[in-house]
Amino acid sequence: MKNKKTLHKLEKELNELNYAVRYEKGNFSSGYCIVQDKRVVIVNKFFSMESKVDALTEILTEIIRLSNLSAP
């Protein structure tokens, strides 16, 4: 079961990569972006705990994959 401890661990890993994690309301899927040199991950605040963990896991995996592609 995915819980708050897992969520906090993912948030910490993203923070270590200099991404701010924000939970916002709205009709959107979660994602990440870089706006004016600020790295931001936005997750729908109405997602269930499991969906938040899934979203952050997917985003973190993609960020790591892309950083490995751009590494020399």
Protein backbone atom coordinates (compact mmCIF):
# COMPACT_ATOMS: atom_id res chain seq x y z
CA MET A 1 0.00 0.00 0.00
CA LYS A 2 1.27 3.41 -0.92
CA ASN A 3 1.32 5.76 2.02
CA LYS A 4 2.46 9.15 3.27
CA LYS A 5 5.93 7.87 4.09
CA THR A 6 6.46 6.89 0.44
CA LEU A 7 5.03 10.22 -0.71
CA HIS A 8 7.43 12.16 1.56
CA LYS A 9 10.38 10.09 0.32
CA LEU A 10 9.52 10.93 -3.30
CA GLU A 11 9.07 14.62 -2.44
CA LYS A 12 12.49 14.61 -0.76
CA GLU A 13 14.15 12.99 -3.78
CA LEU A 14 12.62 15.59 -6.09
CA ASN A 15 13.70 18.40 -3.75
CA GLU A 16 17.26 17.03 -3.85
CA LEU A 17 17.08 17.39 -7.66
CA ASN A 18 16.03 21.04 -7.14
CA TYR A 19 12.37 20.50 -8.05
CA ALA A 20 9.66 22.16 -5.97
CA VAL A 21 6.64 19.92 -5.44
CA ARG A 22 3.27 21.67 -5.35
CA TYR A 23 -0.24 20.33 -4.88
CA GLU A 24 -2.80 22.43 -6.73
CA LYS A 25 -6.50 22.11 -7.47
CA GLY A 26 -7.82 22.04 -10.99
CA ASN A 27 -8.87 19.88 -13.88
CA PHE A 28 -5.47 18.64 -15.04
CA SER A 29 -3.11 15.71 -15.02
CA SER A 30 0.06 15.93 -12.97
CA GLY A 31 3.34 16.86 -14.54
CA TYR A 32 6.52 18.85 -14.28
CA CYS A 33 8.02 21.82 -16.04
CA ILE A 34 10.80 24.36 -15.90
CA VAL A 35 9.58 27.95 -15.86
CA GLN A 36 12.11 30.78 -15.80
CA ASP A 37 14.83 28.46 -14.48
CA LYS A 38 12.54 27.16 -11.72
CA ARG A 39 11.85 23.44 -11.66
CA VAL A 40 8.31 22.70 -10.55
CA VAL A 41 6.34 19.48 -10.16
CA ILE A 42 2.59 20.00 -9.90
CA VAL A 43 0.25 17.29 -8.67
CA ASN A 44 -3.53 17.53 -8.50
CA LYS A 45 -4.32 18.00 -4.80
CA PHE A 46 -7.55 16.00 -5.15
CA PHE A 47 -5.71 12.83 -6.23
CA SER A 48 -5.82 9.94 -3.78
CA MET A 49 -2.63 9.14 -1.85
CA GLU A 50 -1.94 6.24 -4.21
CA SER A 51 -2.42 8.43 -7.29
CA LYS A 52 -0.08 11.08 -5.86
CA VAL A 53 2.60 8.46 -5.24
CA ASP A 54 2.10 7.04 -8.74
CA ALA A 55 2.33 10.52 -10.31
CA LEU A 56 5.51 11.45 -8.42
CA THR A 57 7.09 8.07 -9.20
CA GLU A 58 6.37 8.50 -12.90
CA ILE A 59 7.66 12.08 -12.93
CA LEU A 60 10.83 11.22 -10.99
CA THR A 61 11.54 8.29 -13.32
CA GLU A 62 11.17 10.56 -16.36
CA ILE A 63 13.41 13.27 -14.87
CA ILE A 64 16.12 10.72 -14.11
CA ARG A 65 15.80 9.14 -17.56
CA LEU A 66 16.14 12.51 -19.28
CA SER A 67 19.10 13.54 -17.14
CA ASN A 68 20.86 10.28 -18.04
CA LEU A 69 20.30 10.98 -21.74
CA SER A 70 21.84 14.43 -21.48
CA ALA A 71 24.83 13.29 -19.40
CA PRO A 72 28.13 13.12 -21.32
